[in-house]
Amino acid sequence: MEEIKREEVLESLKEEIENIKNLSKIETENNEPIQENEDFREALSIDSEKVVKILLSWGGGEDGYKLTFKDGELLRGVYYMANWGTYNEIDLNEDELNLIFNVYLYGEEPQ
């Protein structure tokens, strides 16, 4: 499978934003809701996830964990490091994810 290049994603985003801006202009000028325009792309779904950030250090550098939940279920997690405009993260494997979840969150999704 061929990887989608960052430039392709950026170009697609640019086109999508331009389309929405044009539709918003039409909505304003013609008093026609964007959703009724034939060029409007209907969302196939709208999902929500909750990311819990466990900050271990900050200042000259930052590191920690980000755990992602959906409907109360722990989906995935990463360990990340950031420092003066740079950022990188590594996916946690299942054992690491469960360990971090149990140690820092006591096995419960925070409210």
Protein backbone atom coordinates (compact mmCIF):
# COMPACT_ATOMS: atom_id res chain seq x y z
CA MET A 1 0.00 0.00 0.00
CA GLU A 2 1.38 3.40 -0.96
CA GLU A 3 1.73 6.01 1.77
CA ILE A 4 -0.29 9.21 1.44
CA LYS A 5 2.18 12.06 1.25
CA ARG A 6 1.88 15.10 3.52
CA GLU A 7 1.72 17.37 0.46
CA GLU A 8 -1.35 15.48 -0.81
CA VAL A 9 -3.10 15.92 2.53
CA LEU A 10 -2.24 19.64 2.64
CA GLU A 11 -3.54 20.15 -0.92
CA SER A 12 -6.77 18.30 -0.12
CA LEU A 13 -7.25 20.38 3.04
CA LYS A 14 -6.66 23.58 1.07
CA GLU A 15 -9.32 22.55 -1.48
CA GLU A 16 -11.81 21.60 1.26
CA ILE A 17 -11.36 24.89 3.14
CA GLU A 18 -11.69 26.89 -0.09
CA ASN A 19 -14.91 25.01 -0.94
CA ILE A 20 -16.38 25.72 2.50
CA LYS A 21 -15.43 29.41 2.23
CA ASN A 22 -17.15 29.61 -1.17
CA LEU A 23 -20.25 27.88 0.18
CA SER A 24 -20.30 30.25 3.17
CA LYS A 25 -20.15 33.20 0.77
CA ILE A 26 -23.06 31.77 -1.22
CA GLU A 27 -25.00 31.23 2.01
CA THR A 28 -24.48 34.87 2.99
CA GLU A 29 -25.31 36.29 -0.46
CA ASN A 30 -28.30 34.06 -1.29
CA ASN A 31 -29.52 33.27 2.21
CA GLU A 32 -29.20 29.59 1.24
CA PRO A 33 -28.03 27.14 3.94
CA ILE A 34 -24.67 25.56 3.10
CA GLN A 35 -26.10 22.09 3.68
CA GLU A 36 -28.60 22.54 0.83
CA ASN A 37 -25.93 23.36 -1.76
CA GLU A 38 -25.10 20.48 -4.12
CA ASP A 39 -21.35 21.08 -3.60
CA PHE A 40 -21.62 20.56 0.16
CA ARG A 41 -19.96 17.34 1.36
CA GLU A 42 -22.22 15.69 3.91
CA ALA A 43 -20.33 14.24 6.87
CA LEU A 44 -20.49 10.46 6.95
CA SER A 45 -20.16 10.53 10.71
CA ILE A 46 -19.12 12.82 13.53
CA ASP A 47 -17.31 11.05 16.33
CA SER A 48 -15.88 12.30 19.58
CA GLU A 49 -12.82 11.03 21.41
CA LYS A 50 -11.37 12.16 24.69
CA VAL A 51 -7.60 12.57 25.06
CA VAL A 52 -6.20 12.51 28.59
CA LYS A 53 -2.76 14.11 28.85
CA ILE A 54 -0.46 12.94 31.65
CA LEU A 55 2.28 15.57 31.87
CA LEU A 56 5.54 14.33 33.41
CA SER A 57 7.76 17.37 32.80
CA TRP A 58 7.59 20.82 31.25
CA GLY A 59 9.76 23.87 30.81
CA GLY A 60 12.91 23.46 28.73
CA GLY A 61 11.39 20.20 27.49
CA GLU A 62 8.12 18.38 27.99
CA ASP A 63 7.21 14.73 28.07
CA GLY A 64 4.30 12.60 29.07
CA TYR A 65 1.54 10.31 27.90
CA LYS A 66 -1.64 10.88 25.93
CA LEU A 67 -4.36 8.27 26.32
CA THR A 68 -7.36 8.27 23.98
CA PHE A 69 -10.82 7.10 25.09
CA LYS A 70 -14.07 6.69 23.18
CA ASP A 71 -17.33 5.87 24.91
CA GLY A 72 -15.40 4.99 28.08
CA GLU A 73 -13.11 2.53 26.28
CA LEU A 74 -9.33 3.02 26.23
CA LEU A 75 -8.40 2.96 22.54
CA ARG A 76 -4.72 3.86 22.33
CA GLY A 77 -1.93 5.79 23.94
CA VAL A 78 1.37 7.46 23.13
CA TYR A 79 4.45 8.61 24.97
CA TYR A 80 5.48 12.03 23.66
CA MET A 81 8.32 14.51 23.94
CA ALA A 82 8.24 18.18 22.93
CA ASN A 83 10.94 20.84 23.09
CA TRP A 84 10.97 24.35 21.60
CA GLY A 85 8.81 23.77 18.56
CA THR A 86 9.69 20.10 18.06
CA TYR A 87 7.40 17.19 18.86
CA ASN A 88 7.45 13.43 18.48
CA GLU A 89 5.46 10.55 19.89
CA ILE A 90 5.65 6.78 20.07
CA ASP A 91 2.63 4.49 20.22
CA LEU A 92 2.36 2.41 23.38
CA ASN A 93 1.90 -1.31 22.94
CA GLU A 94 -0.99 -2.99 24.75
CA ASP A 95 1.05 -3.93 27.82
CA GLU A 96 2.54 -0.44 28.15
CA LEU A 97 -0.87 1.16 27.60
CA ASN A 98 -2.50 -0.93 30.34
CA LEU A 99 0.41 -0.27 32.71
CA ILE A 100 0.18 3.52 32.27
CA PHE A 101 -3.63 3.42 32.53
CA ASN A 102 -3.53 1.45 35.78
CA VAL A 103 -0.66 3.37 37.40
CA TYR A 104 -1.73 6.93 36.60
CA LEU A 105 -5.49 6.63 36.21
CA TYR A 106 -6.09 3.76 38.65
CA GLY A 107 -7.84 1.82 35.89
CA GLU A 108 -10.63 4.39 35.48
CA GLU A 109 -11.32 6.98 32.80
CA PRO A 110 -11.16 10.43 34.44
CA GLN A 111 -14.35 12.46 34.23
